[in-house]
Amino acid sequence: MSANLRLAPTDPFPEDLEDLKDEKLQVLDSQVQRQLNHEIVTEGESHPETDFRHYELDVEFEQRDN
């Protein structure tokens, strides 16, 4: 799988998700979700940074819905 399809915990992550357009936020969410799945399958658990990023993205999507 291509490295740009997943966002590893050591890869850069935007400081402020509010600045991202919806399309970029959706791509970022897909990359984090793929990384989360990869970690669970290969490691048996997710990395704390990936969990945090997943949470941050969920919060941003919720804020945009309101």
C-alpha atoms as a PDB file:
ATOM      1  CA  MET A   1       0.000   0.000   0.000  1.00  0.00           C
ATOM      2  CA  SER A   2       1.324   3.408  -0.894  1.00  0.00           C
ATOM      3  CA  ALA A   3       2.615   5.415   2.044  1.00  0.00           C
ATOM      4  CA  ASN A   4       0.467   8.431   1.157  1.00  0.00           C
ATOM      5  CA  LEU A   5      -2.688   6.358   1.655  1.00  0.00           C
ATOM      6  CA  ARG A   6      -1.971   6.221   5.397  1.00  0.00           C
ATOM      7  CA  LEU A   7      -0.779   8.859   7.837  1.00  0.00           C
ATOM      8  CA  ALA A   8       1.742   7.370  10.252  1.00  0.00           C
ATOM      9  CA  PRO A   9       2.015   8.793  13.782  1.00  0.00           C
ATOM     10  CA  THR A  10       5.358  10.362  12.847  1.00  0.00           C
ATOM     11  CA  ASP A  11       3.977  12.081   9.726  1.00  0.00           C
ATOM     12  CA  PRO A  12       3.066  15.771   9.976  1.00  0.00           C
ATOM     13  CA  PHE A  13      -0.474  16.594  11.047  1.00  0.00           C
ATOM     14  CA  PRO A  14      -2.095  20.046  10.747  1.00  0.00           C
ATOM     15  CA  GLU A  15      -2.105  22.145  13.895  1.00  0.00           C
ATOM     16  CA  ASP A  16      -5.489  23.690  13.139  1.00  0.00           C
ATOM     17  CA  LEU A  17      -8.063  21.558  11.346  1.00  0.00           C
ATOM     18  CA  GLU A  18     -10.412  24.552  11.035  1.00  0.00           C
ATOM     19  CA  ASP A  19      -8.189  25.954   8.275  1.00  0.00           C
ATOM     20  CA  LEU A  20      -8.693  22.904   6.035  1.00  0.00           C
ATOM     21  CA  LYS A  21     -11.286  22.731   3.309  1.00  0.00           C
ATOM     22  CA  ASP A  22     -13.837  19.932   3.605  1.00  0.00           C
ATOM     23  CA  GLU A  23     -12.200  17.870   0.849  1.00  0.00           C
ATOM     24  CA  LYS A  24      -8.759  17.992   2.495  1.00  0.00           C
ATOM     25  CA  LEU A  25     -10.296  17.115   5.861  1.00  0.00           C
ATOM     26  CA  GLN A  26     -12.006  14.088   4.313  1.00  0.00           C
ATOM     27  CA  VAL A  27      -8.732  12.919   2.742  1.00  0.00           C
ATOM     28  CA  LEU A  28      -6.932  13.345   6.053  1.00  0.00           C
ATOM     29  CA  ASP A  29      -9.674  11.386   7.808  1.00  0.00           C
ATOM     30  CA  SER A  30      -9.338   8.550   5.285  1.00  0.00           C
ATOM     31  CA  GLN A  31      -5.564   8.443   5.770  1.00  0.00           C
ATOM     32  CA  VAL A  32      -5.907   8.312   9.557  1.00  0.00           C
ATOM     33  CA  GLN A  33      -8.616   5.646   9.352  1.00  0.00           C
ATOM     34  CA  ARG A  34      -6.421   3.497   7.095  1.00  0.00           C
ATOM     35  CA  GLN A  35      -3.509   3.933   9.501  1.00  0.00           C
ATOM     36  CA  LEU A  36      -5.722   2.983  12.427  1.00  0.00           C
ATOM     37  CA  ASN A  37      -6.852  -0.175  10.626  1.00  0.00           C
ATOM     38  CA  HIS A  38      -3.261  -0.997   9.658  1.00  0.00           C
ATOM     39  CA  GLU A  39      -2.037  -0.653  13.240  1.00  0.00           C
ATOM     40  CA  ILE A  40      -4.798  -2.833  14.632  1.00  0.00           C
ATOM     41  CA  VAL A  41      -4.179  -5.565  12.062  1.00  0.00           C
ATOM     42  CA  THR A  42      -0.361  -5.521  12.303  1.00  0.00           C
ATOM     43  CA  GLU A  43       0.217  -4.512  15.947  1.00  0.00           C
ATOM     44  CA  GLY A  44      -2.982  -5.704  17.612  1.00  0.00           C
ATOM     45  CA  GLU A  45      -3.704  -2.196  18.917  1.00  0.00           C
ATOM     46  CA  SER A  46      -3.617   1.375  17.736  1.00  0.00           C
ATOM     47  CA  HIS A  47      -0.906   3.940  18.426  1.00  0.00           C
ATOM     48  CA  PRO A  48      -1.970   6.681  20.902  1.00  0.00           C
ATOM     49  CA  GLU A  49      -1.123   9.422  18.381  1.00  0.00           C
ATOM     50  CA  THR A  50      -3.318   7.803  15.729  1.00  0.00           C
ATOM     51  CA  ASP A  51      -6.150   7.544  18.265  1.00  0.00           C
ATOM     52  CA  PHE A  52      -5.727  11.213  19.145  1.00  0.00           C
ATOM     53  CA  ARG A  53      -5.747  12.263  15.485  1.00  0.00           C
ATOM     54  CA  HIS A  54      -8.864  10.191  14.858  1.00  0.00           C
ATOM     55  CA  TYR A  55     -10.568  11.877  17.810  1.00  0.00           C
ATOM     56  CA  GLU A  56      -9.517  15.359  16.658  1.00  0.00           C
ATOM     57  CA  LEU A  57     -10.931  14.714  13.198  1.00  0.00           C
ATOM     58  CA  ASP A  58     -14.221  13.470  14.670  1.00  0.00           C
ATOM     59  CA  VAL A  59     -14.511  16.630  16.771  1.00  0.00           C
ATOM     60  CA  GLU A  60     -13.853  18.833  13.737  1.00  0.00           C
ATOM     61  CA  PHE A  61     -16.488  17.033  11.660  1.00  0.00           C
ATOM     62  CA  GLU A  62     -18.999  17.422  14.503  1.00  0.00           C
ATOM     63  CA  GLN A  63     -18.267  21.146  14.765  1.00  0.00           C
ATOM     64  CA  ARG A  64     -18.755  21.595  11.035  1.00  0.00           C
ATOM     65  CA  ASP A  65     -22.113  19.853  11.171  1.00  0.00           C
ATOM     66  CA  ASN A  66     -23.417  22.353  13.726  1.00  0.00           C
END
